[in-house]
Protein backbone atom coordinates (compact mmCIF):
# COMPACT_ATOMS: atom_id res chain seq x y z
CA UNK A 1 0.00 0.00 0.00
CA UNK A 2 1.39 3.41 -0.99
CA UNK A 3 2.20 5.88 1.74
CA UNK A 4 1.00 9.48 1.65
CA UNK A 5 4.52 10.55 0.66
CA UNK A 6 4.62 8.02 -2.20
CA UNK A 7 1.20 9.16 -3.43
CA UNK A 8 2.21 12.83 -3.33
CA UNK A 9 5.40 12.04 -5.24
CA UNK A 10 3.47 10.20 -7.95
CA UNK A 11 1.04 13.10 -8.35
CA UNK A 12 3.90 15.60 -8.69
CA UNK A 13 5.78 13.28 -11.05
CA UNK A 14 2.73 12.75 -13.30
CA UNK A 15 2.07 16.49 -13.46
CA UNK A 16 5.71 17.11 -14.36
CA UNK A 17 5.69 14.45 -17.10
CA UNK A 18 2.42 15.82 -18.52
CA UNK A 19 3.99 19.29 -18.76
CA UNK A 20 7.03 17.79 -20.51
CA UNK A 21 4.72 16.03 -22.97
CA UNK A 22 2.80 19.26 -23.70
CA UNK A 23 6.06 21.13 -24.34
CA UNK A 24 7.32 18.30 -26.60
CA UNK A 25 4.03 18.24 -28.53
CA UNK A 26 4.15 22.00 -29.11
CA UNK A 27 7.78 21.89 -30.28
CA UNK A 28 7.03 18.97 -32.61
CA UNK A 29 3.97 20.70 -34.05
CA UNK A 30 5.84 23.96 -34.58
CA UNK A 31 8.61 22.05 -36.36
CA UNK A 32 6.14 20.45 -38.77
CA UNK A 33 4.40 23.78 -39.43
CA UNK A 34 7.68 25.65 -39.92
CA UNK A 35 9.07 23.09 -42.38
CA UNK A 36 5.83 23.02 -44.36
CA UNK A 37 5.55 26.82 -44.42
CA UNK A 38 9.15 27.19 -45.59
CA UNK A 39 8.54 24.71 -48.41
CA UNK A 40 5.31 26.37 -49.54
CA UNK A 41 6.83 29.87 -49.38
CA UNK A 42 9.86 28.79 -51.41
CA UNK A 43 7.67 27.31 -54.14
CA UNK A 44 5.35 30.32 -54.12
CA UNK A 45 8.30 32.69 -54.54
CA UNK A 46 9.27 30.94 -57.76
CA UNK A 47 5.80 31.53 -59.24
CA UNK A 48 6.22 35.34 -59.56
CA UNK A 49 2.50 36.03 -59.08
CA UNK A 50 0.35 39.00 -58.06
CA UNK A 51 -1.91 38.63 -55.01
CA UNK A 52 -4.64 41.07 -54.01
CA UNK A 53 -5.82 41.75 -50.44
CA UNK A 54 -9.20 43.51 -50.54
CA UNK A 55 -9.38 44.00 -46.75
CA UNK A 56 -6.19 46.02 -46.39
CA UNK A 57 -8.18 49.12 -45.45
CA UNK A 58 -9.51 47.59 -42.24
CA UNK A 59 -7.26 44.76 -41.07
CA UNK A 60 -3.91 45.09 -39.30
CA UNK A 61 -3.35 41.33 -39.71
CA UNK A 62 -3.71 41.58 -43.48
CA UNK A 63 -1.20 44.43 -43.61
CA UNK A 64 1.36 42.50 -41.54
CA UNK A 65 0.99 39.43 -43.78
CA UNK A 66 1.25 41.61 -46.90
CA UNK A 67 4.39 43.29 -45.55
CA UNK A 68 5.99 39.88 -44.98
CA UNK A 69 5.14 38.62 -48.48
CA UNK A 70 6.40 41.86 -50.02
CA UNK A 71 9.62 41.97 -47.98
CA UNK A 72 10.47 38.34 -48.76
CA UNK A 73 9.49 38.86 -52.42
CA UNK A 74 7.06 35.93 -52.26
CA UNK A 75 4.67 37.76 -54.59
CA UNK A 76 3.77 41.18 -55.90
CA UNK A 77 1.15 42.61 -53.54
CA UNK A 78 -1.93 44.70 -54.32
CA UNK A 79 -3.74 46.36 -51.41
CA UNK A 80 -7.27 47.73 -51.76
CA UNK A 81 -8.08 50.82 -49.71
CA UNK A 82 -7.53 54.53 -49.41
CA UNK A 83 -3.86 55.14 -50.18
CA UNK A 84 -3.43 58.27 -48.06
CA UNK A 85 -5.06 56.61 -45.03
CA UNK A 86 -2.97 53.45 -45.40
CA UNK A 87 0.33 55.32 -45.81
CA UNK A 88 -0.50 57.48 -42.79
CA UNK A 89 -1.34 54.47 -40.62
CA UNK A 90 1.28 51.92 -41.70
CA UNK A 91 5.00 51.95 -42.47
CA UNK A 92 6.88 49.78 -44.97
CA UNK A 93 4.27 49.76 -47.75
CA UNK A 94 6.87 50.58 -50.40
CA UNK A 95 6.78 48.23 -53.37
CA UNK A 96 3.10 47.41 -52.96
CA UNK A 97 0.38 48.67 -55.29
CA UNK A 98 -2.50 50.44 -53.54
CA UNK A 99 -5.84 50.83 -55.32
CA UNK A 100 -8.94 52.60 -54.03
CA UNK A 101 -11.99 50.79 -55.47
CA UNK A 102 -14.10 53.95 -55.17
CA UNK A 103 -11.80 56.20 -57.21
CA UNK A 104 -9.80 53.84 -59.45
CA UNK A 105 -9.70 54.50 -63.20
CA UNK A 106 -10.26 50.80 -63.91
CA UNK A 107 -13.54 50.74 -61.99
CA UNK A 108 -15.66 51.47 -65.08
CA UNK A 109 -14.12 48.55 -66.95
CA UNK A 110 -14.76 46.22 -64.03
CA UNK A 111 -18.39 47.35 -63.83
CA UNK A 112 -18.86 46.36 -67.47
CA UNK A 113 -17.20 42.99 -66.89
CA UNK A 114 -19.44 42.21 -63.91
CA UNK A 115 -22.58 43.37 -65.72
CA UNK A 116 -21.83 41.15 -68.74
CA UNK A 117 -21.22 38.16 -66.48
CA UNK A 118 -24.39 38.60 -64.42
CA UNK A 119 -26.95 40.31 -66.67
CA UNK A 120 -28.49 36.96 -67.62
CA UNK A 121 -29.16 36.49 -63.89
CA UNK A 122 -31.00 39.83 -63.79
CA UNK A 123 -28.20 42.16 -62.63
CA UNK A 124 -28.59 45.77 -63.73
CA UNK A 125 -25.74 48.15 -64.58
CA UNK A 126 -26.50 50.14 -61.41
CA UNK A 127 -26.27 46.99 -59.28
CA UNK A 128 -22.95 46.15 -60.91
CA UNK A 129 -21.67 49.65 -60.17
CA UNK A 130 -22.67 49.34 -56.51
CA UNK A 131 -20.98 45.96 -56.15
CA UNK A 132 -17.71 47.04 -57.78
CA UNK A 133 -17.37 49.71 -55.09
CA UNK A 134 -17.16 46.80 -52.62
CA UNK A 135 -13.48 45.78 -52.15
CA UNK A 136 -14.33 42.05 -52.17
CA UNK A 137 -16.01 42.25 -55.59
CA UNK A 138 -13.37 44.68 -56.86
CA UNK A 139 -10.59 42.29 -55.84
CA UNK A 140 -12.29 39.26 -57.38
CA UNK A 141 -12.73 41.20 -60.63
CA UNK A 142 -9.02 42.07 -60.64
CA UNK A 143 -8.37 38.32 -60.57
CA UNK A 144 -10.99 37.58 -63.23
CA UNK A 145 -9.58 40.21 -65.63
CA UNK A 146 -5.95 39.16 -65.08
CA UNK A 147 -4.79 42.28 -63.25
CA UNK A 148 -4.01 39.98 -60.32
CA UNK A 149 -3.46 36.22 -60.21
CA UNK A 150 -5.18 35.39 -56.93
CA UNK A 151 -6.99 36.84 -53.91
CA UNK A 152 -7.21 36.16 -50.19
CA UNK A 153 -10.02 37.61 -48.05
CA UNK A 154 -12.17 36.76 -45.07
CA UNK A 155 -10.22 38.20 -42.13
CA UNK A 156 -12.98 40.80 -41.73
CA UNK A 157 -15.62 39.41 -44.11
CA UNK A 158 -18.05 36.51 -43.76
CA UNK A 159 -17.18 33.26 -45.53
CA UNK A 160 -20.55 33.27 -47.29
CA UNK A 161 -19.79 36.64 -48.92
CA UNK A 162 -16.28 35.64 -50.03
CA UNK A 163 -17.52 32.32 -51.45
CA UNK A 164 -20.57 33.89 -53.16
CA UNK A 165 -18.36 36.54 -54.77
CA UNK A 166 -15.83 33.95 -55.96
CA UNK A 167 -18.55 31.82 -57.57
CA UNK A 168 -20.25 34.80 -59.22
CA UNK A 169 -17.09 36.43 -60.54
CA UNK A 170 -14.58 33.68 -61.42
CA UNK A 171 -16.85 30.62 -61.33
CA UNK A 172 -15.97 26.93 -61.26
CA UNK A 173 -13.12 25.44 -63.28
CA UNK A 174 -15.18 23.11 -65.46
CA UNK A 175 -18.76 23.50 -66.64
CA UNK A 176 -21.01 21.15 -64.71
CA UNK A 177 -18.40 20.67 -62.00
CA UNK A 178 -18.31 21.97 -58.43
CA UNK A 179 -15.96 23.80 -56.11
CA UNK A 180 -15.05 22.35 -52.73
CA UNK A 181 -12.70 23.00 -49.84
CA UNK A 182 -10.12 21.13 -47.82
CA UNK A 183 -8.37 21.62 -44.51
CA UNK A 184 -4.67 20.89 -44.12
CA UNK A 185 -4.01 19.18 -40.79
CA UNK A 186 -0.45 19.33 -39.47
CA UNK A 187 1.34 17.70 -36.56
CA UNK A 188 2.64 14.37 -35.34
CA UNK A 189 1.02 11.60 -33.35
CA UNK A 190 0.64 7.84 -33.82
CA UNK A 191 -2.28 8.27 -36.24
CA UNK A 192 -0.89 11.02 -38.45
CA UNK A 193 1.03 10.18 -41.66
CA UNK A 194 4.82 10.10 -41.39
CA UNK A 195 5.15 13.46 -43.09
CA UNK A 196 2.91 15.09 -40.50
CA UNK A 197 0.33 16.37 -42.98
CA UNK A 198 -3.18 15.24 -43.91
CA UNK A 199 -6.01 16.75 -45.98
CA UNK A 200 -9.69 16.65 -45.00
CA UNK A 201 -12.57 17.46 -47.38
CA UNK A 202 -15.16 18.84 -47.81
CA UNK A 203 -15.05 21.13 -44.78
CA UNK A 204 -16.82 24.30 -45.87
CA UNK A 205 -18.61 24.18 -49.21
CA UNK A 206 -20.97 21.37 -50.21
CA UNK A 207 -23.64 20.57 -47.63
CA UNK A 208 -24.72 17.14 -48.86
CA UNK A 209 -22.92 16.11 -52.06
CA UNK A 210 -24.18 13.14 -54.07
CA UNK A 211 -21.90 10.24 -55.03
CA UNK A 212 -20.68 11.89 -58.25
CA UNK A 213 -19.93 15.14 -56.43
CA UNK A 214 -18.20 13.27 -53.62
CA UNK A 215 -15.96 11.62 -56.20
CA UNK A 216 -15.11 15.05 -57.65
CA UNK A 217 -14.27 16.36 -54.16
CA UNK A 218 -12.00 13.36 -53.56
CA UNK A 219 -10.23 13.84 -56.90
CA UNK A 220 -9.78 17.59 -56.35
CA UNK A 221 -8.34 17.02 -52.88
CA UNK A 222 -5.97 14.30 -54.05
CA UNK A 223 -4.61 16.62 -56.73
CA UNK A 224 -4.26 19.44 -54.20
CA UNK A 225 -2.28 17.11 -51.92
CA UNK A 226 0.06 16.21 -54.76
CA UNK A 227 0.44 19.62 -56.42
CA UNK A 228 0.56 21.88 -53.39
CA UNK A 229 2.27 19.79 -50.70
CA UNK A 230 4.11 17.03 -52.60
CA UNK A 231 2.01 14.42 -50.82
CA UNK A 232 1.48 11.11 -52.61
CA UNK A 233 -2.30 10.85 -52.06
CA UNK A 234 -3.88 7.85 -50.38
CA UNK A 235 -7.59 8.63 -50.33
CA UNK A 236 -10.11 7.13 -47.90
CA UNK A 237 -13.81 7.72 -48.65
CA UNK A 238 -15.29 7.73 -45.15
CA UNK A 239 -18.55 6.44 -43.74
CA UNK A 240 -20.04 4.86 -40.62
CA UNK A 241 -19.69 1.59 -42.56
CA UNK A 242 -16.58 -0.34 -43.61
CA UNK A 243 -16.72 -2.43 -46.78
CA UNK A 244 -20.47 -3.05 -46.61
CA UNK A 245 -20.66 -3.65 -42.85
CA UNK A 246 -23.76 -1.44 -42.67
CA UNK A 247 -26.38 -0.11 -45.05
CA UNK A 248 -28.08 3.25 -45.38
CA UNK A 249 -28.22 6.15 -47.79
CA UNK A 250 -25.01 7.81 -46.60
CA UNK A 251 -22.98 4.56 -46.58
CA UNK A 252 -24.21 3.65 -50.04
CA UNK A 253 -23.27 7.12 -51.31
CA UNK A 254 -19.70 6.80 -50.01
CA UNK A 255 -19.46 3.28 -51.45
CA UNK A 256 -20.66 4.51 -54.85
CA UNK A 257 -18.22 7.44 -54.80
CA UNK A 258 -15.31 5.07 -54.15
CA UNK A 259 -16.41 2.84 -57.03
CA UNK A 260 -16.64 5.85 -59.37
CA UNK A 261 -13.10 6.87 -58.47
CA UNK A 262 -11.76 3.35 -59.01
CA UNK A 263 -13.49 3.11 -62.39
CA UNK A 264 -11.97 6.45 -63.46
CA UNK A 265 -8.53 4.95 -62.89
CA UNK A 266 -6.91 7.95 -61.21
CA UNK A 267 -3.19 8.04 -60.49
CA UNK A 268 -3.73 7.86 -56.74
CA UNK A 269 -4.69 5.14 -54.29
CA UNK A 270 -8.34 5.24 -53.20
CA UNK A 271 -10.66 2.95 -51.28
CA UNK A 272 -13.91 2.97 -49.34
CA UNK A 273 -16.34 3.10 -47.96
CA UNK A 274 -14.57 2.84 -44.61
CA UNK A 275 -14.75 4.08 -41.07
CA UNK A 276 -12.19 6.53 -39.74
CA UNK A 277 -10.36 3.94 -37.64
CA UNK A 278 -9.91 1.70 -40.68
CA UNK A 279 -8.47 4.65 -42.59
CA UNK A 280 -5.92 5.52 -39.91
CA UNK A 281 -5.17 2.41 -37.82
CA UNK A 282 -3.45 -0.52 -39.65
CA UNK A 283 -4.50 -3.09 -37.04
CA UNK A 284 -8.16 -2.10 -37.33
CA UNK A 285 -8.09 -2.05 -41.12
CA UNK A 286 -6.45 -5.47 -41.13
CA UNK A 287 -9.43 -6.85 -39.21
CA UNK A 288 -12.26 -4.93 -40.87
CA UNK A 289 -11.01 -4.50 -44.44
CA UNK A 290 -7.99 -6.79 -45.01
CA UNK A 291 -8.05 -6.52 -48.83
CA UNK A 292 -8.28 -2.71 -48.90
CA UNK A 293 -5.72 -0.65 -50.82
CA UNK A 294 -5.70 1.65 -47.79
CA UNK A 295 -4.21 -0.15 -44.80
CA UNK A 296 -4.57 2.43 -42.06
CA UNK A 297 -2.26 4.81 -43.95
CA UNK A 298 -4.66 7.31 -45.55
CA UNK A 299 -3.49 10.91 -45.88
CA UNK A 300 -6.61 12.29 -47.61
CA UNK A 301 -9.91 11.85 -45.77
CA UNK A 302 -13.13 12.50 -47.69
CA UNK A 303 -16.23 12.91 -45.54
CA UNK A 304 -19.77 12.07 -46.70
CA UNK A 305 -21.15 15.55 -46.00
CA UNK A 306 -20.22 19.01 -44.82
CA UNK A 307 -21.51 18.48 -41.31
CA UNK A 308 -19.21 15.54 -40.56
CA UNK A 309 -16.19 17.11 -42.26
CA UNK A 310 -16.53 20.46 -40.52
CA UNK A 311 -17.05 18.90 -37.08
CA UNK A 312 -14.17 16.47 -37.62
CA UNK A 313 -11.49 19.03 -38.43
CA UNK A 314 -12.47 21.23 -35.48
CA UNK A 315 -12.47 18.25 -33.12
CA UNK A 316 -9.10 17.06 -34.43
CA UNK A 317 -7.57 20.50 -33.99
CA UNK A 318 -8.90 20.95 -30.45
CA UNK A 319 -8.48 17.46 -29.02
CA UNK A 320 -5.49 16.24 -31.00
CA UNK A 321 -2.95 19.06 -30.43
CA UNK A 322 -2.81 19.47 -34.20
CA UNK A 323 -2.82 22.56 -36.43
CA UNK A 324 -5.51 23.17 -39.04
CA UNK A 325 -4.77 25.44 -42.03
CA UNK A 326 -7.59 26.57 -44.27
CA UNK A 327 -10.18 25.99 -45.49
CA UNK A 328 -8.64 26.15 -48.97
CA UNK A 329 -11.09 26.46 -51.87
CA UNK A 330 -10.43 24.22 -54.87
CA UNK A 331 -12.20 23.84 -58.20
CA UNK A 332 -12.47 27.54 -59.12
CA UNK A 333 -11.26 28.86 -62.48
CA UNK A 334 -8.87 31.17 -60.65
CA UNK A 335 -7.75 30.98 -57.02
CA UNK A 336 -9.65 32.94 -54.39
CA UNK A 337 -9.40 31.82 -50.79
CA UNK A 338 -11.37 32.53 -47.67
CA UNK A 339 -9.81 33.10 -44.26
CA UNK A 340 -11.26 32.38 -40.87
CA UNK A 341 -12.09 35.67 -39.17
CA UNK A 342 -9.90 34.47 -36.32
CA UNK A 343 -6.92 33.85 -38.62
CA UNK A 344 -3.53 34.84 -37.24
CA UNK A 345 -0.89 36.64 -39.31
CA UNK A 346 0.89 33.28 -39.73
CA UNK A 347 -2.38 31.71 -40.96
CA UNK A 348 -2.83 34.51 -43.51
CA UNK A 349 0.76 34.13 -44.76
CA UNK A 350 0.36 30.34 -45.08
CA UNK A 351 -3.01 30.59 -46.84
CA UNK A 352 -1.66 33.30 -49.15
CA UNK A 353 1.35 31.17 -50.10
CA UNK A 354 -0.94 28.20 -50.87
CA UNK A 355 -3.20 30.49 -52.93
CA UNK A 356 -0.21 31.76 -54.91
CA UNK A 357 0.79 28.15 -55.64
CA UNK A 358 -2.68 27.53 -57.05
CA UNK A 359 -2.36 30.41 -59.53
């Protein structure tokens, strides 16, 4: 039987070891994030692209991120806002282009572009003029007309507005296709891939995609993994069922999506439907789905609907001591990305670098 002294020692020891673990986890996570950010920034720098920030007039975080990108020559930077007010408030804006949407000479041309794109939907010239005065629409039109290559917004604007503007102005990449979004999860634990990075989709776009749309989301995310992060994609189409262990509309949809992807003969590994533990734990997959091409080593997780994907990434980030970057929008003709309104300067820099890579 332990004495009071022994018990007290164990309590102190356990608290000490827990603190050591927390410190180790934070250092490990920061190392993964730093290495990934360095890689993405280096590749973005080689692209020589122009990025526009429509919220420069009312976001200190945007300005700090823009200053970093400009100083490191990651991209040419366009800020939207009142030039005199910005120069008065901030230092080190040299080398960046500042445009005021309300007074710019190119505003009339952008009004005509927006009107032509939306007149079939009932937009009037006056409505187009009013919208172009909005920095979010102005910035998206700069991307659409080729004045800029990409845009990042959302630090001070709702996701619904950024997404709606992107769809109205630049549209989806292929007619009849869809746009979607993924979250990059970073960190190390026993269930994360060796490289410390994993993609989750869809986390912010399609509420309840059908099987064909789910297959498109999986394909888009696999290509994003490969092209943006040099990840060799291993895609798990998730469900509450593994290899026919349960029936139901959602399970059948995930099963059908996996079959569509296999029939299309993509150059990435894909399997499903499967539960999350089968996708990430080799021992579980060996029992539940022994002949699967995914053996607990998935690095792209495709969820059956927006609700499950959105909840999953937030739970993983909070409970798993992991970092979530995004959501990153994919499937648009030209890259426009939406920030969380709680995004840090580091988040904005990372998202901007990814957006530049997509251009």
